[in-house]
């Protein structure tokens, strides 16, 4: 599949991307190269290849789930603009 300059102008309009007329040729060439690469990848036989989420078989290291700072309620509420009975007061946004 290859794109024409008219296709690129239409796609640019749909994507709300401004492409100057002098840039049109270069954009068409780059997009056609990308589409050519996709066509090449589609031709590769992947029968028997197991799908994977990442190229490397990694496991994410997680930190232990432990409380670090303790209760910080008083310091946080001391700098809040409005607090009443331990609750933060915020402006009314729904009528």
Protein backbone atom coordinates (compact mmCIF):
# COMPACT_ATOMS: atom_id res chain seq x y z
CA UNK A 1 0.00 0.00 0.00
CA UNK A 2 1.32 3.42 -0.83
CA UNK A 3 -0.12 6.83 -0.15
CA UNK A 4 -0.61 9.65 -2.62
CA UNK A 5 -0.20 13.35 -1.80
CA UNK A 6 -4.02 13.62 -1.79
CA UNK A 7 -4.22 10.82 0.82
CA UNK A 8 -1.68 12.60 3.01
CA UNK A 9 -3.52 15.93 2.75
CA UNK A 10 -6.78 14.20 3.70
CA UNK A 11 -5.16 12.40 6.65
CA UNK A 12 -3.51 15.62 7.81
CA UNK A 13 -6.86 17.41 7.70
CA UNK A 14 -8.54 14.60 9.67
CA UNK A 15 -5.72 14.61 12.24
CA UNK A 16 -5.75 18.41 12.33
CA UNK A 17 -2.06 18.55 11.40
CA UNK A 18 -0.82 21.47 9.35
CA UNK A 19 1.40 20.30 6.49
CA UNK A 20 2.83 22.93 4.20
CA UNK A 21 2.64 22.16 0.45
CA UNK A 22 6.45 22.09 0.20
CA UNK A 23 6.58 19.45 3.00
CA UNK A 24 4.01 17.22 1.36
CA UNK A 25 6.46 15.24 -0.78
CA UNK A 26 8.78 14.44 2.13
CA UNK A 27 5.84 13.39 4.32
CA UNK A 28 4.51 11.10 1.59
CA UNK A 29 7.95 9.47 1.22
CA UNK A 30 8.37 8.91 4.98
CA UNK A 31 4.88 7.48 5.41
CA UNK A 32 5.34 5.17 2.42
CA UNK A 33 8.62 3.91 3.93
CA UNK A 34 6.82 3.16 7.20
CA UNK A 35 4.03 1.34 5.36
CA UNK A 36 6.64 -0.60 3.37
CA UNK A 37 8.30 -1.71 6.60
CA UNK A 38 4.93 -2.84 7.95
CA UNK A 39 4.35 -4.86 4.77
CA UNK A 40 7.77 -6.52 5.21
CA UNK A 41 6.98 -7.41 8.81
CA UNK A 42 3.62 -8.91 7.81
CA UNK A 43 5.42 -11.29 5.41
CA UNK A 44 7.54 -12.80 8.20
CA UNK A 45 6.38 -16.27 9.25
CA UNK A 46 5.66 -16.10 12.97
CA UNK A 47 4.11 -19.55 13.27
CA UNK A 48 5.09 -21.04 16.61
CA UNK A 49 6.41 -17.76 18.03
CA UNK A 50 4.92 -17.14 21.42
CA UNK A 51 3.56 -13.60 21.99
CA UNK A 52 5.37 -11.58 24.63
CA UNK A 53 4.94 -8.25 26.35
CA UNK A 54 8.64 -7.40 26.42
CA UNK A 55 11.73 -8.52 24.54
CA UNK A 56 13.52 -9.44 27.77
CA UNK A 57 12.14 -11.79 30.38
CA UNK A 58 12.25 -9.33 33.28
CA UNK A 59 10.46 -9.21 36.60
CA UNK A 60 9.82 -5.85 38.19
CA UNK A 61 11.40 -5.53 41.60
CA UNK A 62 8.89 -4.22 44.12
CA UNK A 63 9.74 -2.55 47.37
CA UNK A 64 8.25 -3.98 50.55
CA UNK A 65 4.84 -2.54 51.36
CA UNK A 66 5.60 -0.86 54.64
CA UNK A 67 4.56 2.41 56.22
CA UNK A 68 7.42 4.90 56.21
CA UNK A 69 6.31 8.33 57.38
CA UNK A 70 3.58 7.44 59.80
CA UNK A 71 0.61 9.68 60.41
CA UNK A 72 1.28 13.09 58.83
CA UNK A 73 -2.24 14.45 59.28
CA UNK A 74 -1.38 17.31 61.63
CA UNK A 75 1.49 18.79 59.56
CA UNK A 76 -0.59 18.57 56.36
CA UNK A 77 -3.64 20.16 57.92
CA UNK A 78 -1.58 22.92 59.51
CA UNK A 79 -0.71 24.28 56.04
CA UNK A 80 -4.14 23.67 54.46
CA UNK A 81 -6.13 26.82 53.61
CA UNK A 82 -9.31 25.64 55.39
CA UNK A 83 -9.83 22.80 57.87
CA UNK A 84 -12.73 22.06 60.18
CA UNK A 85 -12.96 19.12 62.62
CA UNK A 86 -10.11 17.33 60.88
CA UNK A 87 -11.62 17.68 57.38
CA UNK A 88 -10.33 19.75 54.48
CA UNK A 89 -12.83 22.39 53.35
CA UNK A 90 -13.05 23.01 49.62
CA UNK A 91 -15.13 25.46 47.58
CA UNK A 92 -18.51 24.26 46.39
CA UNK A 93 -18.28 23.29 42.72
CA UNK A 94 -21.74 21.80 42.04
CA UNK A 95 -24.90 23.76 42.57
